Amino acid sequence: MKKENSQSTLGACIRMERLKAGLTQAQLGSLIGLKESRVSKIENGAPITPEVASFILGKMGSELQLKVIPQNADDNKTSAFIMSVIHHFAQVKNLSLSKAFRYLTTFKGLDYLERYMDIEQSLSYEDITLNLSRVCANNGGAL
């Protein structure tokens, strides 16, 4: 049976398939010959090989399929733009990069920036910083 899954870790994929199968961690452990605690560790990010994940998923009637996706050049440009905006915001607000990132994330500034990327890219850094400040203030931020 083929299933497509975009979970970020093999453990998260295993957890999702276990839950779909209606199994507890203890039941899955018995099925594959591991203790419940080991199943828990795997599901919570303990490193496993694709071969082990494939074995575990196979025991639940699923199949692991890996897909290689080329990195998009536009993603690199977008990331570079966002990083430059965060850097400018940090300088203007006299924050470290990590504090600026956390602030913009917490108060939805980066969500706004990603949503209106096309418009924001046409503005000056000063205008972008002003827009982000307003969005963050509207979401509870106070700098």
N, C-alpha and C. Protein backbone atom coordinates (compact mmCIF):
# COMPACT_ATOMS: atom_id res chain seq x y z
N MET A 1 0.85 -1.17 0.00
CA MET A 1 0.00 0.00 0.00
C MET A 1 0.90 1.24 0.00
N LYS A 2 0.67 2.16 -0.91
CA LYS A 2 1.47 3.37 -1.00
C LYS A 2 0.77 4.50 -0.27
N LYS A 3 1.53 5.23 0.56
CA LYS A 3 0.99 6.38 1.26
C LYS A 3 2.00 7.50 1.15
N GLU A 4 1.51 8.69 0.91
CA GLU A 4 2.39 9.85 0.83
C GLU A 4 2.29 10.61 2.14
N ASN A 5 3.45 10.98 2.70
CA ASN A 5 3.47 11.63 4.00
C ASN A 5 4.54 12.71 3.99
N SER A 6 4.20 13.89 4.45
CA SER A 6 5.16 14.98 4.46
C SER A 6 5.64 15.30 5.88
N GLN A 7 5.55 14.33 6.80
CA GLN A 7 6.03 14.56 8.15
C GLN A 7 7.53 14.82 8.09
N SER A 8 8.03 15.57 9.08
CA SER A 8 9.41 16.02 9.02
C SER A 8 10.42 15.01 9.52
N THR A 9 10.01 14.00 10.29
CA THR A 9 10.96 13.00 10.75
C THR A 9 10.39 11.61 10.52
N LEU A 10 11.28 10.64 10.48
CA LEU A 10 10.83 9.26 10.34
C LEU A 10 9.99 8.86 11.54
N GLY A 11 10.39 9.30 12.73
CA GLY A 11 9.64 8.99 13.94
C GLY A 11 8.22 9.54 13.89
N ALA A 12 8.07 10.75 13.38
CA ALA A 12 6.73 11.35 13.26
C ALA A 12 5.88 10.56 12.28
N CYS A 13 6.49 10.06 11.22
CA CYS A 13 5.76 9.23 10.25
C CYS A 13 5.30 7.94 10.91
N ILE A 14 6.19 7.35 11.70
CA ILE A 14 5.86 6.10 12.38
C ILE A 14 4.71 6.33 13.37
N ARG A 15 4.78 7.42 14.13
CA ARG A 15 3.72 7.74 15.09
C ARG A 15 2.37 7.88 14.37
N MET A 16 2.38 8.64 13.27
CA MET A 16 1.14 8.87 12.54
C MET A 16 0.55 7.55 12.03
N GLU A 17 1.40 6.69 11.49
CA GLU A 17 0.92 5.41 10.98
C GLU A 17 0.46 4.50 12.12
N ARG A 18 1.14 4.55 13.27
CA ARG A 18 0.73 3.75 14.43
C ARG A 18 -0.66 4.17 14.89
N LEU A 19 -0.87 5.49 14.96
CA LEU A 19 -2.17 5.99 15.39
C LEU A 19 -3.27 5.62 14.40
N LYS A 20 -2.95 5.71 13.11
CA LYS A 20 -3.92 5.31 12.08
C LYS A 20 -4.28 3.84 12.21
N ALA A 21 -3.28 3.03 12.59
CA ALA A 21 -3.51 1.60 12.73
C ALA A 21 -4.21 1.26 14.05
N GLY A 22 -4.35 2.25 14.93
CA GLY A 22 -5.03 2.03 16.20
C GLY A 22 -4.19 1.24 17.19
N LEU A 23 -2.87 1.35 17.08
CA LEU A 23 -1.97 0.62 17.96
C LEU A 23 -1.42 1.53 19.05
N THR A 24 -1.17 0.95 20.21
CA THR A 24 -0.43 1.67 21.25
C THR A 24 1.06 1.49 20.98
N GLN A 25 1.87 2.25 21.67
CA GLN A 25 3.32 2.07 21.53
C GLN A 25 3.73 0.67 21.99
N ALA A 26 3.09 0.18 23.04
CA ALA A 26 3.40 -1.17 23.54
C ALA A 26 3.04 -2.23 22.50
N GLN A 27 1.88 -2.07 21.85
CA GLN A 27 1.46 -3.03 20.83
C GLN A 27 2.41 -3.01 19.63
N LEU A 28 2.81 -1.81 19.21
CA LEU A 28 3.76 -1.72 18.10
C LEU A 28 5.09 -2.34 18.51
N GLY A 29 5.53 -2.07 19.72
CA GLY A 29 6.77 -2.66 20.21
C GLY A 29 6.74 -4.17 20.15
N SER A 30 5.64 -4.77 20.57
CA SER A 30 5.50 -6.24 20.52
C SER A 30 5.54 -6.73 19.08
N LEU A 31 4.93 -5.98 18.19
CA LEU A 31 4.88 -6.35 16.78
C LEU A 31 6.27 -6.36 16.13
N ILE A 32 7.13 -5.44 16.56
CA ILE A 32 8.45 -5.30 15.92
C ILE A 32 9.60 -5.77 16.80
N GLY A 33 9.29 -6.22 18.02
CA GLY A 33 10.33 -6.76 18.89
C GLY A 33 11.11 -5.71 19.66
N LEU A 34 10.48 -4.59 19.99
CA LEU A 34 11.13 -3.54 20.77
C LEU A 34 10.28 -3.23 22.00
N LYS A 35 10.92 -2.64 22.99
CA LYS A 35 10.19 -2.20 24.17
C LYS A 35 9.40 -0.94 23.85
N GLU A 36 8.33 -0.72 24.61
CA GLU A 36 7.50 0.47 24.44
C GLU A 36 8.33 1.74 24.56
N SER A 37 9.28 1.76 25.49
CA SER A 37 10.12 2.95 25.70
C SER A 37 10.96 3.26 24.46
N ARG A 38 11.41 2.23 23.77
CA ARG A 38 12.20 2.44 22.54
C ARG A 38 11.33 2.98 21.42
N VAL A 39 10.10 2.48 21.32
CA VAL A 39 9.16 3.00 20.32
C VAL A 39 8.92 4.48 20.60
N SER A 40 8.73 4.83 21.86
CA SER A 40 8.52 6.23 22.24
C SER A 40 9.71 7.09 21.83
N LYS A 41 10.91 6.60 22.08
CA LYS A 41 12.11 7.36 21.70
C LYS A 41 12.19 7.56 20.19
N ILE A 42 11.87 6.53 19.44
CA ILE A 42 11.90 6.63 17.98
C ILE A 42 10.89 7.68 17.51
N GLU A 43 9.67 7.59 18.05
CA GLU A 43 8.63 8.53 17.64
C GLU A 43 8.96 9.96 18.03
N ASN A 44 9.78 10.14 19.04
CA ASN A 44 10.13 11.47 19.51
C ASN A 44 11.48 11.96 18.99
N GLY A 45 11.98 11.32 17.93
CA GLY A 45 13.15 11.86 17.25
C GLY A 45 14.45 11.12 17.41
N ALA A 46 14.48 9.99 18.12
CA ALA A 46 15.72 9.21 18.19
C ALA A 46 16.11 8.80 16.77
N PRO A 47 17.39 8.90 16.44
CA PRO A 47 17.79 8.60 15.06
C PRO A 47 17.59 7.13 14.70
N ILE A 48 17.01 6.90 13.54
CA ILE A 48 16.88 5.56 12.97
C ILE A 48 17.19 5.66 11.49
N THR A 49 17.57 4.54 10.92
CA THR A 49 17.86 4.52 9.49
C THR A 49 16.57 4.36 8.70
N PRO A 50 16.60 4.75 7.44
CA PRO A 50 15.42 4.52 6.60
C PRO A 50 15.05 3.03 6.52
N GLU A 51 16.05 2.15 6.60
CA GLU A 51 15.77 0.72 6.55
C GLU A 51 14.95 0.27 7.76
N VAL A 52 15.32 0.78 8.94
CA VAL A 52 14.58 0.43 10.16
C VAL A 52 13.16 1.00 10.08
N ALA A 53 13.05 2.26 9.65
CA ALA A 53 11.73 2.88 9.51
C ALA A 53 10.88 2.09 8.52
N SER A 54 11.48 1.65 7.43
CA SER A 54 10.76 0.88 6.43
C SER A 54 10.26 -0.44 7.02
N PHE A 55 11.10 -1.10 7.83
CA PHE A 55 10.71 -2.34 8.49
C PHE A 55 9.51 -2.11 9.41
N ILE A 56 9.60 -1.06 10.25
CA ILE A 56 8.53 -0.76 11.21
C ILE A 56 7.23 -0.44 10.47
N LEU A 57 7.32 0.41 9.46
CA LEU A 57 6.13 0.79 8.70
C LEU A 57 5.54 -0.41 7.97
N GLY A 58 6.40 -1.27 7.46
CA GLY A 58 5.95 -2.48 6.77
C GLY A 58 5.13 -3.38 7.68
N LYS A 59 5.51 -3.46 8.94
CA LYS A 59 4.78 -4.28 9.91
C LYS A 59 3.37 -3.73 10.16
N MET A 60 3.17 -2.44 9.83
CA MET A 60 1.84 -1.83 10.00
C MET A 60 1.10 -1.74 8.67
N GLY A 61 1.67 -2.33 7.63
CA GLY A 61 0.99 -2.33 6.33
C GLY A 61 1.24 -1.09 5.49
N SER A 62 2.28 -0.34 5.84
CA SER A 62 2.62 0.86 5.07
C SER A 62 3.98 0.69 4.43
N GLU A 63 4.28 1.59 3.53
CA GLU A 63 5.55 1.54 2.81
C GLU A 63 6.23 2.90 2.90
N LEU A 64 7.52 2.89 3.19
CA LEU A 64 8.30 4.12 3.22
C LEU A 64 8.79 4.43 1.82
N GLN A 65 8.52 5.64 1.36
CA GLN A 65 9.03 6.09 0.08
C GLN A 65 9.73 7.41 0.30
N LEU A 66 10.97 7.50 -0.15
CA LEU A 66 11.73 8.74 -0.03
C LEU A 66 11.68 9.48 -1.35
N LYS A 67 11.61 10.79 -1.26
CA LYS A 67 11.52 11.61 -2.46
C LYS A 67 12.57 12.71 -2.36
N VAL A 68 13.41 12.83 -3.35
CA VAL A 68 14.44 13.87 -3.40
C VAL A 68 13.87 15.03 -4.19
N ILE A 69 13.89 16.21 -3.58
CA ILE A 69 13.34 17.40 -4.23
C ILE A 69 14.46 18.42 -4.38
N PRO A 70 14.73 18.88 -5.60
CA PRO A 70 15.79 19.87 -5.77
C PRO A 70 15.43 21.17 -5.06
N GLN A 71 16.45 21.79 -4.51
CA GLN A 71 16.22 23.05 -3.82
C GLN A 71 15.93 24.12 -4.86
N ASN A 72 14.92 24.90 -4.61
CA ASN A 72 14.47 25.93 -5.54
C ASN A 72 15.29 27.20 -5.35
N ALA A 73 15.78 27.75 -6.43
CA ALA A 73 16.57 28.98 -6.36
C ALA A 73 15.75 30.13 -5.78
N ASP A 74 14.44 30.16 -6.06
CA ASP A 74 13.57 31.20 -5.52
C ASP A 74 13.50 31.13 -4.00
N ASP A 75 13.55 29.90 -3.45
CA ASP A 75 13.55 29.74 -1.99
C ASP A 75 14.79 30.40 -1.38
N ASN A 76 15.93 30.26 -2.07
CA ASN A 76 17.16 30.89 -1.57
C ASN A 76 17.04 32.41 -1.58
N LYS A 77 16.44 32.97 -2.62
CA LYS A 77 16.25 34.42 -2.71
C LYS A 77 15.29 34.90 -1.62
N THR A 78 14.22 34.15 -1.41
CA THR A 78 13.25 34.51 -0.38
C THR A 78 13.90 34.46 0.99
N SER A 79 14.64 33.41 1.26
CA SER A 79 15.33 33.29 2.55
C SER A 79 16.32 34.42 2.75
N ALA A 80 17.05 34.76 1.73
CA ALA A 80 18.03 35.85 1.82
C ALA A 80 17.33 37.18 2.11
N PHE A 81 16.19 37.40 1.46
CA PHE A 81 15.44 38.63 1.69
C PHE A 81 14.94 38.69 3.13
N ILE A 82 14.34 37.59 3.60
CA ILE A 82 13.82 37.56 4.97
C ILE A 82 14.95 37.79 5.97
N MET A 83 16.09 37.16 5.75
CA MET A 83 17.22 37.35 6.66
C MET A 83 17.70 38.80 6.65
N SER A 84 17.73 39.42 5.49
CA SER A 84 18.16 40.82 5.43
C SER A 84 17.17 41.74 6.13
N VAL A 85 15.88 41.43 6.03
CA VAL A 85 14.86 42.22 6.73
C VAL A 85 15.02 42.06 8.25
N ILE A 86 15.22 40.82 8.71
CA ILE A 86 15.41 40.59 10.14
C ILE A 86 16.65 41.33 10.63
N HIS A 87 17.71 41.29 9.84
CA HIS A 87 18.95 41.99 10.20
C HIS A 87 18.70 43.49 10.33
N HIS A 88 18.00 44.07 9.36
CA HIS A 88 17.72 45.50 9.40
C HIS A 88 16.82 45.83 10.60
N PHE A 89 15.79 45.03 10.82
CA PHE A 89 14.88 45.23 11.93
C PHE A 89 15.67 45.19 13.26
N ALA A 90 16.57 44.23 13.38
CA ALA A 90 17.39 44.11 14.60
C ALA A 90 18.24 45.36 14.81
N GLN A 91 18.83 45.86 13.75
CA GLN A 91 19.66 47.07 13.87
C GLN A 91 18.83 48.27 14.29
N VAL A 92 17.70 48.47 13.63
CA VAL A 92 16.85 49.62 13.92
C VAL A 92 16.31 49.56 15.35
N LYS A 93 15.93 48.39 15.80
CA LYS A 93 15.33 48.22 17.13
C LYS A 93 16.38 47.93 18.21
N ASN A 94 17.65 47.89 17.80
CA ASN A 94 18.76 47.64 18.73
C ASN A 94 18.58 46.30 19.45
N LEU A 95 18.34 45.26 18.65
CA LEU A 95 18.16 43.90 19.16
C LEU A 95 19.20 42.97 18.55
N SER A 96 19.45 41.87 19.22
CA SER A 96 20.28 40.83 18.60
C SER A 96 19.44 40.17 17.50
N LEU A 97 20.10 39.48 16.59
CA LEU A 97 19.36 38.80 15.52
C LEU A 97 18.38 37.78 16.09
N SER A 98 18.82 37.04 17.09
CA SER A 98 17.93 36.01 17.65
C SER A 98 16.72 36.64 18.34
N LYS A 99 16.90 37.75 19.04
CA LYS A 99 15.77 38.42 19.69
C LYS A 99 14.82 39.02 18.65
N ALA A 100 15.39 39.58 17.59
CA ALA A 100 14.55 40.14 16.52
C ALA A 100 13.74 39.02 15.86
N PHE A 101 14.38 37.89 15.60
CA PHE A 101 13.68 36.76 14.99
C PHE A 101 12.56 36.28 15.89
N ARG A 102 12.84 36.09 17.18
CA ARG A 102 11.80 35.63 18.11
C ARG A 102 10.65 36.62 18.20
N TYR A 103 10.97 37.91 18.25
CA TYR A 103 9.93 38.94 18.33
C TYR A 103 9.06 38.89 17.08
N LEU A 104 9.68 38.88 15.91
CA LEU A 104 8.93 38.88 14.66
C LEU A 104 8.12 37.59 14.49
N THR A 105 8.62 36.49 15.01
CA THR A 105 7.89 35.24 14.94
C THR A 105 6.71 35.25 15.92
N THR A 106 6.97 35.64 17.15
CA THR A 106 5.94 35.63 18.20
C THR A 106 4.77 36.53 17.86
N PHE A 107 5.06 37.71 17.33
CA PHE A 107 4.01 38.70 17.09
C PHE A 107 3.60 38.80 15.62
N LYS A 108 3.82 37.72 14.88
CA LYS A 108 3.29 37.51 13.53
C LYS A 108 3.88 38.40 12.44
N GLY A 109 5.01 39.03 12.72
CA GLY A 109 5.65 39.85 11.71
C GLY A 109 6.16 39.04 10.53
N LEU A 110 6.74 37.88 10.81
CA LEU A 110 7.25 37.05 9.71
C LEU A 110 6.12 36.43 8.91
N ASP A 111 5.01 36.11 9.58
CA ASP A 111 3.84 35.62 8.84
C ASP A 111 3.37 36.68 7.84
N TYR A 112 3.30 37.92 8.31
CA TYR A 112 2.90 39.04 7.46
C TYR A 112 3.89 39.18 6.30
N LEU A 113 5.18 39.15 6.61
CA LEU A 113 6.20 39.34 5.59
C LEU A 113 6.09 38.26 4.51
N GLU A 114 5.90 37.01 4.91
CA GLU A 114 5.77 35.94 3.92
C GLU A 114 4.49 36.08 3.10
N ARG A 115 3.43 36.51 3.75
CA ARG A 115 2.14 36.64 3.04
C ARG A 115 2.18 37.76 2.00
N TYR A 116 2.84 38.86 2.34
CA TYR A 116 2.88 40.03 1.44
C TYR A 116 4.28 40.26 0.87
N MET A 117 4.99 39.17 0.64
CA MET A 117 6.38 39.23 0.17
C MET A 117 6.51 40.08 -1.10
N ASP A 118 5.65 39.86 -2.07
CA ASP A 118 5.77 40.57 -3.35
C ASP A 118 5.70 42.08 -3.15
N ILE A 119 4.80 42.53 -2.30
CA ILE A 119 4.64 43.96 -2.06
C ILE A 119 5.82 44.49 -1.24
N GLU A 120 6.14 43.77 -0.17
CA GLU A 120 7.19 44.24 0.74
C GLU A 120 8.55 44.33 0.05
N GLN A 121 8.82 43.45 -0.90
CA GLN A 121 10.09 43.48 -1.61
C GLN A 121 10.26 44.74 -2.45
N SER A 122 9.16 45.41 -2.74
CA SER A 122 9.24 46.62 -3.55
C SER A 122 9.45 47.87 -2.69
N LEU A 123 9.46 47.71 -1.36
CA LEU A 123 9.58 48.84 -0.44
C LEU A 123 11.01 48.98 0.10
N SER A 124 11.27 50.11 0.71
CA SER A 124 12.55 50.32 1.37
C SER A 124 12.58 49.53 2.68
N TYR A 125 13.77 49.28 3.20
CA TYR A 125 13.88 48.58 4.48
C TYR A 125 13.23 49.38 5.61
N GLU A 126 13.28 50.68 5.52
CA GLU A 126 12.65 51.52 6.54
C GLU A 126 11.14 51.32 6.54
N ASP A 127 10.55 51.28 5.34
CA ASP A 127 9.10 51.05 5.24
C ASP A 127 8.72 49.64 5.69
N ILE A 128 9.54 48.67 5.34
CA ILE A 128 9.27 47.29 5.75
C ILE A 128 9.33 47.21 7.28
N THR A 129 10.34 47.83 7.87
CA THR A 129 10.47 47.82 9.34
C THR A 129 9.27 48.49 9.99
N LEU A 130 8.81 49.58 9.43
CA LEU A 130 7.63 50.27 9.95
C LEU A 130 6.39 49.36 9.87
N ASN A 131 6.21 48.71 8.71
CA ASN A 131 5.07 47.80 8.54
C ASN A 131 5.13 46.65 9.54
N LEU A 132 6.31 46.05 9.70
CA LEU A 132 6.47 44.95 10.64
C LEU A 132 6.21 45.39 12.07
N SER A 133 6.67 46.59 12.39
CA SER A 133 6.43 47.14 13.75
C SER A 133 4.95 47.29 14.02
N ARG A 134 4.21 47.78 13.03
CA ARG A 134 2.77 47.95 13.19
C ARG A 134 2.06 46.61 13.34
N VAL A 135 2.43 45.65 12.49
CA VAL A 135 1.82 44.32 12.57
C VAL A 135 2.09 43.70 13.94
N CYS A 136 3.34 43.76 14.38
CA CYS A 136 3.69 43.17 15.68
C CYS A 136 2.96 43.90 16.82
N ALA A 137 2.87 45.21 16.76
CA ALA A 137 2.15 45.97 17.79
C ALA A 137 0.67 45.56 17.82
N ASN A 138 0.09 45.36 16.65
CA ASN A 138 -1.32 44.94 16.57
C ASN A 138 -1.53 43.54 17.14
N ASN A 139 -0.45 42.77 17.23
CA ASN A 139 -0.51 41.40 17.76
C ASN A 139 0.07 41.28 19.16
N GLY A 140 0.19 42.43 19.84
CA GLY A 140 0.63 42.39 21.23
C GLY A 140 2.08 42.72 21.48
N GLY A 141 2.83 42.98 20.43
CA GLY A 141 4.25 43.31 20.60
C GLY A 141 4.43 44.74 21.09
N ALA A 142 5.44 44.94 21.89
CA ALA A 142 5.68 46.29 22.43
C ALA A 142 7.17 46.55 22.45
N LEU A 143 7.67 47.15 21.41
CA LEU A 143 9.10 47.55 21.38
C LEU A 143 9.20 49.05 21.39
